Amino acid sequence: MENESEARAKPEDEEPEGQEFTAQGVLLAIEEAWLNEKFAPEILPHQSDLVDCMLQQITHMEQNMKRLEKGDLRLLIHMMELDRIRFLISSYLRIRLEKIEKYAIHILSQEANRSLEECYLTSAELQFAKDFLASIETLFKATALNYMPGNFQTFEKDQLIVKPNMQAYVFLRANDRISGVVLPGSLDEEIDFEPGSQHIVPYKAVADLVKSGAVQLI
């Protein structure tokens, strides 16, 4: 009976070995993006390219699975892998939407100052944020503002703004050697990260390192 690695190497069952390595690399990248998004207090730059790539991979795997017999062990293994991929993608997107709902005013204010290449939100997320804020404004007017004196009927977004706690502590693993990480405080202590070392630090001190991939939140 052929083993799993031999079966996956066959073109008729799965993609060639080089493509399989790429797919695994993308899966690892989306898992890392999910962890960063899950533990970072702020919303991070979107990884829509990774999501789109994994959605294509799901379609490809589903097509391959149709060619396997019902009792084939590989079918069960692929189904488990598909469930894992779907969970990562749905959880990643859900976390981002929850942050948009919580920090909509703050996020939209920041996005307005970014160029198209620097935007943290996808076009769909940006539209969702605008629609969400508009619905909040409509709700406020319908339930409260319309019943107040004229000079109090303006929807003051700045008074409702909620910002993420950038001083929240996060647990991370360094991917590279990093020198001179400044920890905010009365003494502004500087520390160095060695590859593979783990630390608990305020998020603000490593926010840029998270976005660059120099450190991984865990």
C-alpha atoms as a PDB file:
ATOM      1  CA  MET A   1       0.000   0.000   0.000  1.00  0.00           C
ATOM      2  CA  GLU A   2       1.514   3.354  -1.005  1.00  0.00           C
ATOM      3  CA  ASN A   3       2.153   5.824   1.783  1.00  0.00           C
ATOM      4  CA  GLU A   4       0.735   9.348   2.038  1.00  0.00           C
ATOM      5  CA  SER A   5       3.874  11.154   0.818  1.00  0.00           C
ATOM      6  CA  GLU A   6       4.011   8.978  -2.311  1.00  0.00           C
ATOM      7  CA  ALA A   7       0.326   9.561  -3.001  1.00  0.00           C
ATOM      8  CA  ARG A   8       0.665  13.338  -2.669  1.00  0.00           C
ATOM      9  CA  ALA A   9       3.567  13.383  -5.114  1.00  0.00           C
ATOM     10  CA  LYS A  10       1.384  12.007  -7.913  1.00  0.00           C
ATOM     11  CA  PRO A  11       0.079  14.704 -10.298  1.00  0.00           C
ATOM     12  CA  GLU A  12      -3.287  13.059 -10.637  1.00  0.00           C
ATOM     13  CA  ASP A  13      -3.969  13.235  -6.896  1.00  0.00           C
ATOM     14  CA  GLU A  14      -2.241  16.455  -5.905  1.00  0.00           C
ATOM     15  CA  GLU A  15      -0.116  19.228  -7.342  1.00  0.00           C
ATOM     16  CA  PRO A  16       3.608  18.603  -8.021  1.00  0.00           C
ATOM     17  CA  GLU A  17       6.032  18.680  -5.134  1.00  0.00           C
ATOM     18  CA  GLY A  18       7.217  22.251  -5.778  1.00  0.00           C
ATOM     19  CA  GLN A  19       3.641  23.571  -5.786  1.00  0.00           C
ATOM     20  CA  GLU A  20       2.810  21.587  -2.681  1.00  0.00           C
ATOM     21  CA  PHE A  21       5.720  23.273  -0.875  1.00  0.00           C
ATOM     22  CA  THR A  22       4.376  26.662  -1.946  1.00  0.00           C
ATOM     23  CA  ALA A  23       0.885  25.782  -0.714  1.00  0.00           C
ATOM     24  CA  GLN A  24       2.303  24.713   2.645  1.00  0.00           C
ATOM     25  CA  GLY A  25       4.281  27.938   2.813  1.00  0.00           C
ATOM     26  CA  VAL A  26       1.150  29.994   2.197  1.00  0.00           C
ATOM     27  CA  LEU A  27      -0.739  27.988   4.811  1.00  0.00           C
ATOM     28  CA  LEU A  28       2.024  28.708   7.345  1.00  0.00           C
ATOM     29  CA  ALA A  29       1.915  32.394   6.424  1.00  0.00           C
ATOM     30  CA  ILE A  30      -1.864  32.653   6.908  1.00  0.00           C
ATOM     31  CA  GLU A  31      -1.556  30.863  10.256  1.00  0.00           C
ATOM     32  CA  GLU A  32       1.071  33.398  11.361  1.00  0.00           C
ATOM     33  CA  ALA A  33      -1.117  36.268  10.130  1.00  0.00           C
ATOM     34  CA  TRP A  34      -4.036  34.809  12.097  1.00  0.00           C
ATOM     35  CA  LEU A  35      -1.983  34.647  15.305  1.00  0.00           C
ATOM     36  CA  ASN A  36      -0.719  38.201  14.856  1.00  0.00           C
ATOM     37  CA  GLU A  37      -4.228  39.496  14.221  1.00  0.00           C
ATOM     38  CA  LYS A  38      -5.585  37.538  17.155  1.00  0.00           C
ATOM     39  CA  PHE A  39      -3.113  38.901  19.693  1.00  0.00           C
ATOM     40  CA  ALA A  40      -2.392  42.408  18.368  1.00  0.00           C
ATOM     41  CA  PRO A  41      -4.627  45.070  19.968  1.00  0.00           C
ATOM     42  CA  GLU A  42      -4.819  47.073  16.712  1.00  0.00           C
ATOM     43  CA  ILE A  43      -5.948  45.953  13.280  1.00  0.00           C
ATOM     44  CA  LEU A  44      -2.984  44.947  11.112  1.00  0.00           C
ATOM     45  CA  PRO A  45      -2.392  45.391   7.365  1.00  0.00           C
ATOM     46  CA  HIS A  46      -4.656  43.001   5.505  1.00  0.00           C
ATOM     47  CA  GLN A  47      -3.321  39.758   4.048  1.00  0.00           C
ATOM     48  CA  SER A  48      -5.938  39.394   1.332  1.00  0.00           C
ATOM     49  CA  ASP A  49      -3.442  37.844  -1.103  1.00  0.00           C
ATOM     50  CA  LEU A  50      -2.842  34.972   1.309  1.00  0.00           C
ATOM     51  CA  VAL A  51      -6.572  34.517   1.878  1.00  0.00           C
ATOM     52  CA  ASP A  52      -7.298  34.487  -1.863  1.00  0.00           C
ATOM     53  CA  CYS A  53      -4.497  31.979  -2.433  1.00  0.00           C
ATOM     54  CA  MET A  54      -5.821  29.621   0.246  1.00  0.00           C
ATOM     55  CA  LEU A  55      -9.375  29.888  -1.101  1.00  0.00           C
ATOM     56  CA  GLN A  56      -8.046  28.783  -4.478  1.00  0.00           C
ATOM     57  CA  GLN A  57      -6.205  25.959  -2.746  1.00  0.00           C
ATOM     58  CA  ILE A  58      -9.443  24.847  -1.073  1.00  0.00           C
ATOM     59  CA  THR A  59     -11.158  24.682  -4.465  1.00  0.00           C
ATOM     60  CA  HIS A  60      -8.235  22.705  -5.880  1.00  0.00           C
ATOM     61  CA  MET A  61      -8.265  20.241  -2.982  1.00  0.00           C
ATOM     62  CA  GLU A  62     -12.020  19.745  -3.258  1.00  0.00           C
ATOM     63  CA  GLN A  63     -11.640  18.902  -6.942  1.00  0.00           C
ATOM     64  CA  ASN A  64      -8.897  16.391  -6.165  1.00  0.00           C
ATOM     65  CA  MET A  65     -10.971  14.803  -3.406  1.00  0.00           C
ATOM     66  CA  LYS A  66     -13.769  14.036  -5.874  1.00  0.00           C
ATOM     67  CA  ARG A  67     -11.391  11.661  -7.648  1.00  0.00           C
ATOM     68  CA  LEU A  68     -10.722   9.629  -4.509  1.00  0.00           C
ATOM     69  CA  GLU A  69     -12.814   6.637  -3.545  1.00  0.00           C
ATOM     70  CA  LYS A  70     -15.059   6.966  -0.507  1.00  0.00           C
ATOM     71  CA  GLY A  71     -13.027   4.572   1.650  1.00  0.00           C
ATOM     72  CA  ASP A  72      -9.648   6.083   0.731  1.00  0.00           C
ATOM     73  CA  LEU A  73      -7.706   7.159   3.839  1.00  0.00           C
ATOM     74  CA  ARG A  74      -6.421  10.191   1.965  1.00  0.00           C
ATOM     75  CA  LEU A  75      -9.980  11.492   1.714  1.00  0.00           C
ATOM     76  CA  LEU A  76     -10.273  11.707   5.508  1.00  0.00           C
ATOM     77  CA  ILE A  77      -6.870  13.370   5.809  1.00  0.00           C
ATOM     78  CA  HIS A  78      -7.730  15.964   3.177  1.00  0.00           C
ATOM     79  CA  MET A  79     -11.094  16.675   4.809  1.00  0.00           C
ATOM     80  CA  MET A  80      -9.369  17.343   8.130  1.00  0.00           C
ATOM     81  CA  GLU A  81      -6.884  19.646   6.413  1.00  0.00           C
ATOM     82  CA  LEU A  82      -9.706  21.503   4.669  1.00  0.00           C
ATOM     83  CA  ASP A  83     -11.502  22.023   7.980  1.00  0.00           C
ATOM     84  CA  ARG A  84      -8.297  23.452   9.453  1.00  0.00           C
ATOM     85  CA  ILE A  85      -7.790  25.847   6.540  1.00  0.00           C
ATOM     86  CA  ARG A  86     -11.417  26.991   6.621  1.00  0.00           C
ATOM     87  CA  PHE A  87     -11.176  27.627  10.356  1.00  0.00           C
ATOM     88  CA  LEU A  88      -8.022  29.731   9.973  1.00  0.00           C
ATOM     89  CA  ILE A  89      -9.507  31.861   7.210  1.00  0.00           C
ATOM     90  CA  SER A  90     -12.902  32.380   8.846  1.00  0.00           C
ATOM     91  CA  SER A  91     -11.361  33.142  12.248  1.00  0.00           C
ATOM     92  CA  TYR A  92      -8.862  35.570  10.716  1.00  0.00           C
ATOM     93  CA  LEU A  93     -11.595  37.476   8.874  1.00  0.00           C
ATOM     94  CA  ARG A  94     -13.951  37.411  11.868  1.00  0.00           C
ATOM     95  CA  ILE A  95     -11.290  38.885  14.182  1.00  0.00           C
ATOM     96  CA  ARG A  96     -10.683  41.719  11.718  1.00  0.00           C
ATOM     97  CA  LEU A  97     -14.403  42.491  11.448  1.00  0.00           C
ATOM     98  CA  GLU A  98     -14.709  42.527  15.249  1.00  0.00           C
ATOM     99  CA  LYS A  99     -11.876  45.061  15.449  1.00  0.00           C
ATOM    100  CA  ILE A 100     -13.488  47.194  12.754  1.00  0.00           C
ATOM    101  CA  GLU A 101     -16.758  47.240  14.677  1.00  0.00           C
ATOM    102  CA  LYS A 102     -14.996  48.100  17.936  1.00  0.00           C
ATOM    103  CA  TYR A 103     -12.615  50.747  16.571  1.00  0.00           C
ATOM    104  CA  ALA A 104     -14.507  51.897  13.446  1.00  0.00           C
ATOM    105  CA  ILE A 105     -14.056  55.639  13.969  1.00  0.00           C
ATOM    106  CA  HIS A 106     -10.373  55.311  14.861  1.00  0.00           C
ATOM    107  CA  ILE A 107      -9.628  52.943  11.978  1.00  0.00           C
ATOM    108  CA  LEU A 108     -11.407  55.092   9.400  1.00  0.00           C
ATOM    109  CA  SER A 109      -9.559  58.160  10.651  1.00  0.00           C
ATOM    110  CA  GLN A 110      -6.219  56.392  10.204  1.00  0.00           C
ATOM    111  CA  GLU A 111      -7.130  54.953   6.800  1.00  0.00           C
ATOM    112  CA  ALA A 112      -7.983  58.446   5.543  1.00  0.00           C
ATOM    113  CA  ASN A 113      -4.327  59.420   6.062  1.00  0.00           C
ATOM    114  CA  ARG A 114      -2.865  56.409   4.236  1.00  0.00           C
ATOM    115  CA  SER A 115      -2.156  56.004   0.553  1.00  0.00           C
ATOM    116  CA  LEU A 116      -3.807  53.216  -1.421  1.00  0.00           C
ATOM    117  CA  GLU A 117      -0.639  51.097  -1.145  1.00  0.00           C
ATOM    118  CA  GLU A 118      -0.442  51.625   2.631  1.00  0.00           C
ATOM    119  CA  CYS A 119      -4.089  50.864   3.482  1.00  0.00           C
ATOM    120  CA  TYR A 120      -4.646  48.334   6.247  1.00  0.00           C
ATOM    121  CA  LEU A 121      -8.167  47.454   5.087  1.00  0.00           C
ATOM    122  CA  THR A 122      -9.319  45.755   1.928  1.00  0.00           C
ATOM    123  CA  SER A 123     -11.861  47.662  -0.158  1.00  0.00           C
ATOM    124  CA  ALA A 124     -14.616  45.390   1.205  1.00  0.00           C
ATOM    125  CA  GLU A 125     -13.506  45.989   4.808  1.00  0.00           C
ATOM    126  CA  LEU A 126     -13.340  49.736   4.216  1.00  0.00           C
ATOM    127  CA  GLN A 127     -16.883  49.745   2.878  1.00  0.00           C
ATOM    128  CA  PHE A 128     -18.025  47.622   5.821  1.00  0.00           C
ATOM    129  CA  ALA A 129     -16.456  50.114   8.257  1.00  0.00           C
ATOM    130  CA  LYS A 130     -18.187  53.059   6.552  1.00  0.00           C
ATOM    131  CA  ASP A 131     -21.545  51.272   6.482  1.00  0.00           C
ATOM    132  CA  PHE A 132     -21.179  50.242  10.114  1.00  0.00           C
ATOM    133  CA  LEU A 133     -20.419  53.796  11.221  1.00  0.00           C
ATOM    134  CA  ALA A 134     -23.325  55.116   9.153  1.00  0.00           C
ATOM    135  CA  SER A 135     -25.670  52.628  10.831  1.00  0.00           C
ATOM    136  CA  ILE A 136     -24.451  53.748  14.260  1.00  0.00           C
ATOM    137  CA  GLU A 137     -25.103  57.377  13.336  1.00  0.00           C
ATOM    138  CA  THR A 138     -28.597  56.502  12.078  1.00  0.00           C
ATOM    139  CA  LEU A 139     -29.322  54.615  15.288  1.00  0.00           C
ATOM    140  CA  PHE A 140     -28.136  57.502  17.485  1.00  0.00           C
ATOM    141  CA  LYS A 141     -30.281  59.980  15.584  1.00  0.00           C
ATOM    142  CA  ALA A 142     -33.370  57.786  15.629  1.00  0.00           C
ATOM    143  CA  THR A 143     -33.170  56.894  19.319  1.00  0.00           C
ATOM    144  CA  ALA A 144     -31.712  60.017  20.930  1.00  0.00           C
ATOM    145  CA  LEU A 145     -30.417  62.969  18.908  1.00  0.00           C
ATOM    146  CA  ASN A 146     -33.700  63.737  17.140  1.00  0.00           C
ATOM    147  CA  TYR A 147     -35.364  64.228  20.523  1.00  0.00           C
ATOM    148  CA  MET A 148     -32.776  66.672  21.844  1.00  0.00           C
ATOM    149  CA  PRO A 149     -32.544  70.460  21.420  1.00  0.00           C
ATOM    150  CA  GLY A 150     -31.278  71.588  18.006  1.00  0.00           C
ATOM    151  CA  ASN A 151     -27.763  72.466  19.136  1.00  0.00           C
ATOM    152  CA  PHE A 152     -27.330  68.929  20.554  1.00  0.00           C
ATOM    153  CA  GLN A 153     -28.493  67.001  17.494  1.00  0.00           C
ATOM    154  CA  THR A 154     -25.081  66.811  15.807  1.00  0.00           C
ATOM    155  CA  PHE A 155     -23.472  63.381  15.708  1.00  0.00           C
ATOM    156  CA  GLU A 156     -20.039  63.994  17.276  1.00  0.00           C
ATOM    157  CA  LYS A 157     -17.905  61.072  16.145  1.00  0.00           C
ATOM    158  CA  ASP A 158     -14.809  62.254  18.013  1.00  0.00           C
ATOM    159  CA  GLN A 159     -16.636  61.913  21.330  1.00  0.00           C
ATOM    160  CA  LEU A 160     -17.392  58.252  20.612  1.00  0.00           C
ATOM    161  CA  ILE A 161     -13.943  57.232  19.391  1.00  0.00           C
ATOM    162  CA  VAL A 162     -12.465  54.087  20.933  1.00  0.00           C
ATOM    163  CA  LYS A 163      -8.781  53.343  20.422  1.00  0.00           C
ATOM    164  CA  PRO A 164      -6.922  50.042  20.875  1.00  0.00           C
ATOM    165  CA  ASN A 165      -4.699  49.755  23.921  1.00  0.00           C
ATOM    166  CA  MET A 166      -1.247  49.949  22.352  1.00  0.00           C
ATOM    167  CA  GLN A 167       0.352  49.491  25.778  1.00  0.00           C
ATOM    168  CA  ALA A 168      -1.188  46.033  26.219  1.00  0.00           C
ATOM    169  CA  TYR A 169       1.407  43.335  26.832  1.00  0.00           C
ATOM    170  CA  VAL A 170       1.927  40.679  24.164  1.00  0.00           C
ATOM    171  CA  PHE A 171       3.855  37.413  24.055  1.00  0.00           C
ATOM    172  CA  LEU A 172       6.161  37.071  21.066  1.00  0.00           C
ATOM    173  CA  ARG A 173       8.908  35.046  19.451  1.00  0.00           C
ATOM    174  CA  ALA A 174      11.734  36.791  17.612  1.00  0.00           C
ATOM    175  CA  ASN A 175      12.326  35.624  14.040  1.00  0.00           C
ATOM    176  CA  ASP A 176      15.506  37.676  13.599  1.00  0.00           C
ATOM    177  CA  ARG A 177      18.209  39.220  15.719  1.00  0.00           C
ATOM    178  CA  ILE A 178      16.966  42.664  16.713  1.00  0.00           C
ATOM    179  CA  SER A 179      19.016  45.225  18.630  1.00  0.00           C
ATOM    180  CA  GLY A 180      17.860  48.165  20.687  1.00  0.00           C
ATOM    181  CA  VAL A 181      14.163  47.462  21.233  1.00  0.00           C
ATOM    182  CA  VAL A 182      13.034  50.335  23.435  1.00  0.00           C
ATOM    183  CA  LEU A 183      10.632  49.400  26.228  1.00  0.00           C
ATOM    184  CA  PRO A 184       8.543  52.447  27.158  1.00  0.00           C
ATOM    185  CA  GLY A 185       8.797  53.503  30.776  1.00  0.00           C
ATOM    186  CA  SER A 186      10.528  55.895  33.093  1.00  0.00           C
ATOM    187  CA  LEU A 187      13.969  54.633  31.985  1.00  0.00           C
ATOM    188  CA  ASP A 188      13.177  53.655  28.369  1.00  0.00           C
ATOM    189  CA  GLU A 189      15.141  50.413  28.749  1.00  0.00           C
ATOM    190  CA  GLU A 190      16.629  48.880  25.592  1.00  0.00           C
ATOM    191  CA  ILE A 191      16.802  45.130  25.066  1.00  0.00           C
ATOM    192  CA  ASP A 192      18.009  42.845  22.257  1.00  0.00           C
ATOM    193  CA  PHE A 193      16.102  39.937  20.731  1.00  0.00           C
ATOM    194  CA  GLU A 194      17.900  36.800  19.624  1.00  0.00           C
ATOM    195  CA  PRO A 195      16.377  34.554  16.923  1.00  0.00           C
ATOM    196  CA  GLY A 196      13.930  32.160  18.560  1.00  0.00           C
ATOM    197  CA  SER A 197      13.883  34.020  21.892  1.00  0.00           C
ATOM    198  CA  GLN A 198      10.520  34.705  23.526  1.00  0.00           C
ATOM    199  CA  HIS A 199       9.475  37.880  25.335  1.00  0.00           C
ATOM    200  CA  ILE A 200       6.534  39.608  26.990  1.00  0.00           C
ATOM    201  CA  VAL A 201       6.585  43.318  26.141  1.00  0.00           C
ATOM    202  CA  PRO A 202       4.165  46.207  25.549  1.00  0.00           C
ATOM    203  CA  TYR A 203       2.752  45.934  22.043  1.00  0.00           C
ATOM    204  CA  LYS A 204       3.674  49.514  21.166  1.00  0.00           C
ATOM    205  CA  ALA A 205       7.381  48.654  21.494  1.00  0.00           C
ATOM    206  CA  VAL A 206       7.150  45.984  18.788  1.00  0.00           C
ATOM    207  CA  ALA A 207       4.207  47.100  16.630  1.00  0.00           C
ATOM    208  CA  ASP A 208       6.417  47.844  13.619  1.00  0.00           C
ATOM    209  CA  LEU A 209       8.360  44.607  14.129  1.00  0.00           C
ATOM    210  CA  VAL A 210       5.124  42.603  14.050  1.00  0.00           C
ATOM    211  CA  LYS A 211       4.095  44.230  10.778  1.00  0.00           C
ATOM    212  CA  SER A 212       7.514  43.650   9.209  1.00  0.00           C
ATOM    213  CA  GLY A 213       7.583  39.991  10.249  1.00  0.00           C
ATOM    214  CA  ALA A 214      10.662  40.376  12.441  1.00  0.00           C
ATOM    215  CA  VAL A 215       8.689  38.999  15.402  1.00  0.00           C
ATOM    216  CA  GLN A 216       5.719  36.652  15.662  1.00  0.00           C
ATOM    217  CA  LEU A 217       2.967  37.037  18.255  1.00  0.00           C
ATOM    218  CA  ILE A 218       2.166  33.759  19.988  1.00  0.00           C
END
